[in-house]
Amino acid sequence: MNRKMNYKKAGEVSNWLFISSVAAIGGTFFFTGYVQLTLLILGVGLIAGGIAVRVIYWKCPHCRKRLHLGFRQEPKICPYCRGQLLPDKEE
């Protein structure tokens, strides 16, 4: 199955990566030694992965320009080409 990642799916994936990184870094307060270090490295890696997904795939499906990064509400139209972005429910 060849499913291409669109900007909507990229937003969901990166949000889950950021949430997971908070859990991993938060877990460092409950452990010591190698487990603490491992959780910290995992958390930083998840943050880097979330940023990478947003930078690579967070683009308008029409003009392919990058949408604004951040945790604002998802745009409904592209700020560059004014193209309609994907609806909430895909058919």
C-alpha atoms as a PDB file:
ATOM      1  CA  MET A   1       0.000   0.000   0.000  1.00  0.00           C
ATOM      2  CA  ASN A   2       1.608   3.210  -1.173  1.00  0.00           C
ATOM      3  CA  ARG A   3       0.048   5.954   0.942  1.00  0.00           C
ATOM      4  CA  LYS A   4       1.663   9.325   0.534  1.00  0.00           C
ATOM      5  CA  MET A   5       1.844  11.529   3.602  1.00  0.00           C
ATOM      6  CA  ASN A   6      -0.121  14.755   3.220  1.00  0.00           C
ATOM      7  CA  TYR A   7       0.095  17.852   5.396  1.00  0.00           C
ATOM      8  CA  LYS A   8      -2.851  16.753   7.556  1.00  0.00           C
ATOM      9  CA  LYS A   9      -1.309  13.363   8.369  1.00  0.00           C
ATOM     10  CA  ALA A  10       2.075  15.036   8.945  1.00  0.00           C
ATOM     11  CA  GLY A  11       0.465  17.339  11.501  1.00  0.00           C
ATOM     12  CA  GLU A  12      -1.042  14.385  13.375  1.00  0.00           C
ATOM     13  CA  VAL A  13       2.210  12.409  13.331  1.00  0.00           C
ATOM     14  CA  SER A  14       4.316  15.334  14.513  1.00  0.00           C
ATOM     15  CA  ASN A  15       1.839  16.155  17.288  1.00  0.00           C
ATOM     16  CA  TRP A  16       2.001  12.567  18.549  1.00  0.00           C
ATOM     17  CA  LEU A  17       5.796  12.649  18.407  1.00  0.00           C
ATOM     18  CA  PHE A  18       5.838  15.828  20.507  1.00  0.00           C
ATOM     19  CA  ILE A  19       3.383  14.359  23.030  1.00  0.00           C
ATOM     20  CA  SER A  20       5.490  11.208  23.272  1.00  0.00           C
ATOM     21  CA  SER A  21       8.615  13.288  23.806  1.00  0.00           C
ATOM     22  CA  VAL A  22       6.985  15.059  26.750  1.00  0.00           C
ATOM     23  CA  ALA A  23       6.140  11.674  28.267  1.00  0.00           C
ATOM     24  CA  ALA A  24       9.678  10.381  27.733  1.00  0.00           C
ATOM     25  CA  ILE A  25      11.353  13.483  29.139  1.00  0.00           C
ATOM     26  CA  GLY A  26       8.864  13.555  32.024  1.00  0.00           C
ATOM     27  CA  GLY A  27       9.801   9.972  32.790  1.00  0.00           C
ATOM     28  CA  THR A  28      13.366  11.063  33.524  1.00  0.00           C
ATOM     29  CA  PHE A  29      12.143  12.441  36.869  1.00  0.00           C
ATOM     30  CA  PHE A  30      11.190   8.945  38.028  1.00  0.00           C
ATOM     31  CA  PHE A  31      14.340   7.046  37.079  1.00  0.00           C
ATOM     32  CA  THR A  32      18.088   7.360  37.532  1.00  0.00           C
ATOM     33  CA  GLY A  33      21.197   6.197  35.714  1.00  0.00           C
ATOM     34  CA  TYR A  34      21.025   4.651  32.282  1.00  0.00           C
ATOM     35  CA  VAL A  35      17.230   4.552  32.180  1.00  0.00           C
ATOM     36  CA  GLN A  36      17.103   8.308  32.784  1.00  0.00           C
ATOM     37  CA  LEU A  37      19.703   8.945  30.096  1.00  0.00           C
ATOM     38  CA  THR A  38      17.905   6.640  27.657  1.00  0.00           C
ATOM     39  CA  LEU A  39      14.583   8.412  28.212  1.00  0.00           C
ATOM     40  CA  LEU A  40      16.222  11.800  27.742  1.00  0.00           C
ATOM     41  CA  ILE A  41      17.863  10.743  24.478  1.00  0.00           C
ATOM     42  CA  LEU A  42      14.579   9.190  23.311  1.00  0.00           C
ATOM     43  CA  GLY A  43      12.695  12.391  24.144  1.00  0.00           C
ATOM     44  CA  VAL A  44      15.140  14.594  22.264  1.00  0.00           C
ATOM     45  CA  GLY A  45      15.025  12.190  19.304  1.00  0.00           C
ATOM     46  CA  LEU A  46      11.225  12.323  19.250  1.00  0.00           C
ATOM     47  CA  ILE A  47      11.313  16.129  19.249  1.00  0.00           C
ATOM     48  CA  ALA A  48      13.780  16.084  16.346  1.00  0.00           C
ATOM     49  CA  GLY A  49      11.563  13.615  14.490  1.00  0.00           C
ATOM     50  CA  GLY A  50       8.493  15.790  15.007  1.00  0.00           C
ATOM     51  CA  ILE A  51      10.296  18.840  13.683  1.00  0.00           C
ATOM     52  CA  ALA A  52      11.624  16.886  10.685  1.00  0.00           C
ATOM     53  CA  VAL A  53       8.144  15.616   9.767  1.00  0.00           C
ATOM     54  CA  ARG A  54       6.729  19.152   9.946  1.00  0.00           C
ATOM     55  CA  VAL A  55       9.540  20.653   7.868  1.00  0.00           C
ATOM     56  CA  ILE A  56       9.423  17.945   5.191  1.00  0.00           C
ATOM     57  CA  TYR A  57       5.675  17.307   4.824  1.00  0.00           C
ATOM     58  CA  TRP A  58       3.825  20.390   6.185  1.00  0.00           C
ATOM     59  CA  LYS A  59       3.198  21.869   2.708  1.00  0.00           C
ATOM     60  CA  CYS A  60       0.234  23.101   0.719  1.00  0.00           C
ATOM     61  CA  PRO A  61      -1.034  20.322  -1.590  1.00  0.00           C
ATOM     62  CA  HIS A  62      -1.539  22.881  -4.385  1.00  0.00           C
ATOM     63  CA  CYS A  63       1.504  25.169  -4.498  1.00  0.00           C
ATOM     64  CA  ARG A  64       3.811  22.965  -2.334  1.00  0.00           C
ATOM     65  CA  LYS A  65       4.988  25.951  -0.247  1.00  0.00           C
ATOM     66  CA  ARG A  66       5.611  25.350   3.435  1.00  0.00           C
ATOM     67  CA  LEU A  67       2.771  26.184   5.765  1.00  0.00           C
ATOM     68  CA  HIS A  68       3.573  28.092   8.937  1.00  0.00           C
ATOM     69  CA  LEU A  69       5.030  25.866  11.648  1.00  0.00           C
ATOM     70  CA  GLY A  70       3.736  25.844  15.188  1.00  0.00           C
ATOM     71  CA  PHE A  71       0.807  24.668  17.237  1.00  0.00           C
ATOM     72  CA  ARG A  72      -1.750  27.122  15.930  1.00  0.00           C
ATOM     73  CA  GLN A  73      -5.082  25.993  14.605  1.00  0.00           C
ATOM     74  CA  GLU A  74      -4.719  24.122  11.348  1.00  0.00           C
ATOM     75  CA  PRO A  75      -5.231  26.457   8.363  1.00  0.00           C
ATOM     76  CA  LYS A  76      -8.260  26.001   6.119  1.00  0.00           C
ATOM     77  CA  ILE A  77      -6.762  27.840   3.139  1.00  0.00           C
ATOM     78  CA  CYS A  78      -3.186  28.244   1.964  1.00  0.00           C
ATOM     79  CA  PRO A  79      -1.758  31.664   2.903  1.00  0.00           C
ATOM     80  CA  TYR A  80       0.202  31.749  -0.375  1.00  0.00           C
ATOM     81  CA  CYS A  81      -2.055  30.471  -3.170  1.00  0.00           C
ATOM     82  CA  ARG A  82      -5.394  30.707  -1.328  1.00  0.00           C
ATOM     83  CA  GLY A  83      -6.108  27.109  -2.306  1.00  0.00           C
ATOM     84  CA  GLN A  84      -8.577  25.108  -0.240  1.00  0.00           C
ATOM     85  CA  LEU A  85      -6.740  22.686   2.028  1.00  0.00           C
ATOM     86  CA  LEU A  86      -7.973  19.186   2.780  1.00  0.00           C
ATOM     87  CA  PRO A  87     -11.342  18.843   4.551  1.00  0.00           C
ATOM     88  CA  ASP A  88     -11.533  17.272   8.020  1.00  0.00           C
ATOM     89  CA  LYS A  89     -13.061  14.054   6.693  1.00  0.00           C
ATOM     90  CA  GLU A  90     -11.406  12.563   3.646  1.00  0.00           C
ATOM     91  CA  GLU A  91     -13.490  10.310   1.441  1.00  0.00           C
END
